[in-house]
């Protein structure tokens, strides 16, 4: 591994419309505390020491590009944009990045662009774990007081990662699990690209999900870990105007 490849790159998923926000804007441009959601994500990634950021855009892509081009801070310089013309799922969004990262041999962090509570400290802990253990994949997870609606992290008797069970598929015992998946991933680039080849869209939405990649890597015998490093504030998601207001309150309190 060459020295530059030891530094992670990041893929920010920013292609969705977010119809539940009651806005025609791309979801990542909805504003909280006066700023677009995606700005907080980019700042957290930069603060974690990530130099190369790839933004996957789709719906309203020109608006997203322009909004970020209008920012003058160093954290917004050198952004790369990849177009996801058809929104066929989070896994498909990462697939669109293949030409840009095909020659990269190092860790890739994949995060959602509509997660303004993402913390640089959490990202740094994922990076530290990767550098110490070199697993194929690490999921950043959260111990949630109310895990309803979120995918549960399954572990074996020794605490090893077994998989993710979506809330709708949980049996009564699994519903009691409080460790949840928050769509924050760190993966070794080349292994991630191999796993993407095995992604299936055989589901109700006919979409490709990045959520399936850890399970694919595990089935191939690779080291996949779930690390509960995310902070309680990172559980706050933005899918509705009401949730946007809650996030704004948290930001105004300074987390």
Protein backbone atom coordinates (compact mmCIF):
# COMPACT_ATOMS: atom_id res chain seq x y z
CA UNK A 1 0.00 0.00 0.00
CA UNK A 2 1.46 3.33 -1.04
CA UNK A 3 1.55 6.16 1.45
CA UNK A 4 -1.16 8.33 -0.22
CA UNK A 5 -3.53 5.37 -0.22
CA UNK A 6 -3.33 5.14 3.56
CA UNK A 7 -5.50 8.25 3.75
CA UNK A 8 -9.22 7.50 3.40
CA UNK A 9 -11.38 8.95 0.68
CA UNK A 10 -15.06 9.59 1.21
CA UNK A 11 -18.18 9.05 -0.88
CA UNK A 12 -21.09 11.27 0.10
CA UNK A 13 -24.50 10.10 -1.08
CA UNK A 14 -26.40 13.20 -2.16
CA UNK A 15 -28.63 12.18 -5.06
CA UNK A 16 -32.07 12.01 -3.46
CA UNK A 17 -35.01 14.39 -3.57
CA UNK A 18 -36.41 13.81 -0.10
CA UNK A 19 -40.08 14.07 -0.98
CA UNK A 20 -41.17 13.96 2.67
CA UNK A 21 -39.46 17.29 3.32
CA UNK A 22 -42.24 19.18 1.48
CA UNK A 23 -39.64 20.82 -0.73
CA UNK A 24 -38.66 20.66 -4.39
CA UNK A 25 -35.02 21.07 -3.43
CA UNK A 26 -32.56 18.17 -3.38
CA UNK A 27 -32.78 16.83 0.16
CA UNK A 28 -29.15 17.69 1.00
CA UNK A 29 -29.87 21.36 0.28
CA UNK A 30 -32.66 21.60 2.83
CA UNK A 31 -31.44 24.05 5.44
CA UNK A 32 -30.92 23.56 9.15
CA UNK A 33 -29.67 26.42 11.34
CA UNK A 34 -29.35 28.45 8.14
CA UNK A 35 -27.11 26.03 6.24
CA UNK A 36 -27.67 23.11 3.81
CA UNK A 37 -27.50 19.67 5.41
CA UNK A 38 -24.60 18.56 3.24
CA UNK A 39 -22.32 21.35 4.45
CA UNK A 40 -22.22 19.83 7.93
CA UNK A 41 -21.32 16.43 6.49
CA UNK A 42 -18.48 17.83 4.40
CA UNK A 43 -17.07 19.75 7.35
CA UNK A 44 -17.12 16.63 9.56
CA UNK A 45 -15.26 14.64 6.91
CA UNK A 46 -12.64 17.35 6.46
CA UNK A 47 -12.17 17.65 10.22
CA UNK A 48 -11.56 13.91 10.30
CA UNK A 49 -8.62 14.45 7.94
CA UNK A 50 -10.20 13.23 4.71
CA UNK A 51 -8.81 15.08 1.73
CA UNK A 52 -10.60 13.51 -1.22
CA UNK A 53 -14.39 13.81 -1.23
CA UNK A 54 -16.63 12.41 -3.95
CA UNK A 55 -20.20 13.73 -3.96
CA UNK A 56 -22.77 11.55 -5.73
CA UNK A 57 -25.47 13.82 -7.13
CA UNK A 58 -28.68 13.07 -8.97
CA UNK A 59 -31.91 14.94 -8.42
CA UNK A 60 -31.20 18.65 -8.82
CA UNK A 61 -27.53 17.93 -9.39
CA UNK A 62 -26.80 21.38 -10.81
CA UNK A 63 -28.26 22.99 -7.70
CA UNK A 64 -26.05 20.88 -5.42
CA UNK A 65 -22.93 21.61 -7.47
CA UNK A 66 -23.65 25.33 -7.50
CA UNK A 67 -24.45 25.51 -3.79
CA UNK A 68 -21.12 23.91 -2.91
CA UNK A 69 -19.22 25.93 -5.52
CA UNK A 70 -20.51 29.10 -3.86
CA UNK A 71 -18.70 28.16 -0.63
CA UNK A 72 -15.24 29.67 -0.29
CA UNK A 73 -13.83 27.70 2.65
CA UNK A 74 -11.00 25.22 2.19
CA UNK A 75 -13.28 22.37 3.25
CA UNK A 76 -15.33 22.91 0.09
CA UNK A 77 -12.40 23.04 -2.34
CA UNK A 78 -11.48 20.15 -4.58
CA UNK A 79 -14.80 18.32 -4.35
CA UNK A 80 -15.43 15.71 -7.04
CA UNK A 81 -18.91 15.08 -8.40
CA UNK A 82 -20.32 11.85 -9.80
CA UNK A 83 -23.71 11.77 -11.52
CA UNK A 84 -26.27 9.11 -10.60
CA UNK A 85 -28.72 9.72 -13.43
CA UNK A 86 -31.11 7.02 -12.20
CA UNK A 87 -31.59 6.69 -8.46
CA UNK A 88 -31.47 2.92 -8.09
CA UNK A 89 -30.38 2.73 -4.47
CA UNK A 90 -27.40 3.49 -2.27
CA UNK A 91 -25.39 0.57 -3.62
CA UNK A 92 -25.99 1.79 -7.15
CA UNK A 93 -24.78 5.26 -6.13
CA UNK A 94 -21.46 3.80 -4.99
CA UNK A 95 -21.27 1.72 -8.18
CA UNK A 96 -21.31 4.98 -10.15
CA UNK A 97 -18.03 5.92 -8.44
CA UNK A 98 -16.15 2.88 -9.78
CA UNK A 99 -14.26 4.72 -12.56
CA UNK A 100 -13.09 7.36 -10.08
CA UNK A 101 -11.80 4.92 -7.46
CA UNK A 102 -10.85 1.84 -9.50
CA UNK A 103 -7.13 2.39 -8.90
CA UNK A 104 -7.39 3.22 -5.21
CA UNK A 105 -6.01 0.81 -2.61
CA UNK A 106 -7.11 2.08 0.75
CA UNK A 107 -10.15 2.80 2.91
CA UNK A 108 -13.33 4.39 1.57
CA UNK A 109 -15.83 6.00 3.92
CA UNK A 110 -19.43 6.03 2.69
CA UNK A 111 -21.89 8.38 4.40
CA UNK A 112 -25.23 10.02 3.69
CA UNK A 113 -25.20 13.66 2.67
CA UNK A 114 -28.31 14.39 4.72
CA UNK A 115 -26.72 13.53 8.10
CA UNK A 116 -25.83 16.93 9.60
CA UNK A 117 -25.13 15.43 13.03
CA UNK A 118 -22.24 13.33 11.73
CA UNK A 119 -19.30 13.80 14.11
CA UNK A 120 -15.66 13.98 13.05
CA UNK A 121 -14.68 12.25 16.30
CA UNK A 122 -16.70 9.17 15.30
CA UNK A 123 -15.07 9.09 11.88
CA UNK A 124 -11.63 9.36 13.45
CA UNK A 125 -12.34 6.32 15.64
CA UNK A 126 -13.37 4.30 12.59
CA UNK A 127 -10.17 5.31 10.82
CA UNK A 128 -8.07 4.39 13.85
CA UNK A 129 -9.70 0.96 14.04
CA UNK A 130 -9.03 0.40 10.35
CA UNK A 131 -5.37 1.35 10.64
CA UNK A 132 -4.86 -0.93 13.62
CA UNK A 133 -6.71 -4.01 12.36
CA UNK A 134 -7.08 -3.58 8.56
CA UNK A 135 -10.53 -5.21 8.36
CA UNK A 136 -12.40 -5.36 5.06
CA UNK A 137 -15.27 -3.35 6.46
CA UNK A 138 -16.28 -1.46 9.59
CA UNK A 139 -19.81 -0.30 10.26
CA UNK A 140 -20.17 2.69 12.53
CA UNK A 141 -23.04 1.73 14.82
CA UNK A 142 -25.00 3.29 17.64
CA UNK A 143 -26.52 2.04 20.87
CA UNK A 144 -30.00 3.56 20.58
CA UNK A 145 -32.49 3.95 23.41
CA UNK A 146 -35.35 3.58 20.90
CA UNK A 147 -34.20 1.42 17.96
CA UNK A 148 -37.65 1.12 16.35
CA UNK A 149 -37.48 1.48 12.59
CA UNK A 150 -33.72 0.91 12.37
CA UNK A 151 -31.70 -2.09 11.25
CA UNK A 152 -30.37 -4.15 14.16
CA UNK A 153 -26.78 -5.37 14.39
CA UNK A 154 -26.57 -9.11 14.89
CA UNK A 155 -23.57 -10.54 16.72
CA UNK A 156 -22.37 -14.06 17.51
CA UNK A 157 -21.62 -15.43 20.97
CA UNK A 158 -18.14 -13.90 20.84
CA UNK A 159 -19.41 -10.48 19.83
CA UNK A 160 -18.45 -10.78 16.19
CA UNK A 161 -20.55 -9.18 13.48
CA UNK A 162 -23.12 -11.50 11.90
CA UNK A 163 -25.29 -9.19 9.87
CA UNK A 164 -27.97 -6.53 9.77
CA UNK A 165 -31.66 -7.34 10.22
CA UNK A 166 -34.03 -4.63 9.07
CA UNK A 167 -36.68 -3.58 11.54
CA UNK A 168 -39.55 -5.01 9.49
CA UNK A 169 -37.82 -8.42 9.44
CA UNK A 170 -36.99 -8.61 13.16
CA UNK A 171 -38.42 -11.36 15.32
CA UNK A 172 -39.45 -10.44 18.90
CA UNK A 173 -35.99 -11.24 20.28
CA UNK A 174 -34.18 -9.22 17.62
CA UNK A 175 -36.43 -6.24 18.28
CA UNK A 176 -34.87 -5.99 21.73
CA UNK A 177 -31.41 -5.33 20.25
CA UNK A 178 -30.41 -1.72 20.78
CA UNK A 179 -27.32 -1.59 18.55
CA UNK A 180 -28.35 -0.21 15.17
CA UNK A 181 -26.91 0.47 11.75
CA UNK A 182 -26.64 4.18 10.91
CA UNK A 183 -25.38 3.96 7.30
CA UNK A 184 -21.81 4.93 8.12
CA UNK A 185 -19.28 2.58 6.53
CA UNK A 186 -15.54 2.29 6.13
CA UNK A 187 -14.47 -0.32 3.58
CA UNK A 188 -11.29 -1.38 1.84
CA UNK A 189 -11.81 -0.01 -1.66
CA UNK A 190 -10.92 -3.00 -3.82
CA UNK A 191 -12.88 -5.44 -1.66
CA UNK A 192 -15.85 -3.09 -1.70
CA UNK A 193 -15.74 -2.93 -5.50
CA UNK A 194 -15.67 -6.73 -5.70
CA UNK A 195 -18.67 -6.98 -3.37
CA UNK A 196 -20.60 -4.43 -5.42
CA UNK A 197 -20.46 -6.89 -8.32
CA UNK A 198 -22.55 -9.29 -6.24
CA UNK A 199 -25.20 -6.81 -5.16
CA UNK A 200 -28.72 -7.79 -6.14
CA UNK A 201 -31.81 -5.66 -6.69
CA UNK A 202 -34.10 -8.59 -5.94
CA UNK A 203 -36.22 -6.70 -3.43
CA UNK A 204 -39.50 -4.85 -3.27
CA UNK A 205 -37.97 -1.58 -4.46
CA UNK A 206 -35.77 -3.17 -7.17
CA UNK A 207 -32.82 -1.19 -5.82
CA UNK A 208 -29.20 -1.95 -4.91
CA UNK A 209 -28.37 -1.30 -1.26
CA UNK A 210 -24.94 -0.59 0.22
CA UNK A 211 -26.35 -2.19 3.39
CA UNK A 212 -25.87 -5.59 1.73
CA UNK A 213 -22.13 -5.14 1.15
CA UNK A 214 -20.95 -6.04 4.69
CA UNK A 215 -22.84 -9.34 4.51
CA UNK A 216 -21.34 -10.15 1.13
CA UNK A 217 -17.82 -9.50 2.44
CA UNK A 218 -18.50 -11.61 5.54
CA UNK A 219 -19.78 -14.49 3.41
CA UNK A 220 -16.47 -14.42 1.54
CA UNK A 221 -14.55 -14.88 4.76
CA UNK A 222 -13.36 -11.31 5.20
CA UNK A 223 -13.07 -9.50 8.52
CA UNK A 224 -16.19 -7.34 8.98
CA UNK A 225 -16.65 -5.39 12.19
CA UNK A 226 -19.37 -3.30 13.79
CA UNK A 227 -18.02 -0.56 16.03
CA UNK A 228 -20.50 1.28 18.30
CA UNK A 229 -18.68 4.61 18.16
CA UNK A 230 -21.48 6.89 17.03
CA UNK A 231 -22.76 9.40 19.54
CA UNK A 232 -26.42 9.77 20.59
CA UNK A 233 -26.80 12.99 18.60
CA UNK A 234 -25.92 11.07 15.42
CA UNK A 235 -29.16 9.12 15.79
CA UNK A 236 -31.06 12.24 14.74
CA UNK A 237 -32.09 11.76 11.12
CA UNK A 238 -33.73 14.21 8.74
CA UNK A 239 -36.60 12.71 6.79
CA UNK A 240 -39.39 15.15 7.63
CA UNK A 241 -39.78 18.84 8.40
CA UNK A 242 -40.46 17.93 12.04
CA UNK A 243 -37.17 16.03 12.28
CA UNK A 244 -35.40 18.96 10.67
CA UNK A 245 -36.65 21.15 13.50
CA UNK A 246 -35.34 18.68 16.11
CA UNK A 247 -31.90 18.64 14.48
CA UNK A 248 -31.88 22.42 14.42
CA UNK A 249 -32.60 22.51 18.15
CA UNK A 250 -29.70 20.12 18.77
CA UNK A 251 -27.33 22.16 16.64
CA UNK A 252 -28.30 25.35 18.39
CA UNK A 253 -27.45 23.65 21.69
CA UNK A 254 -24.01 22.88 20.32
CA UNK A 255 -24.64 19.09 20.30
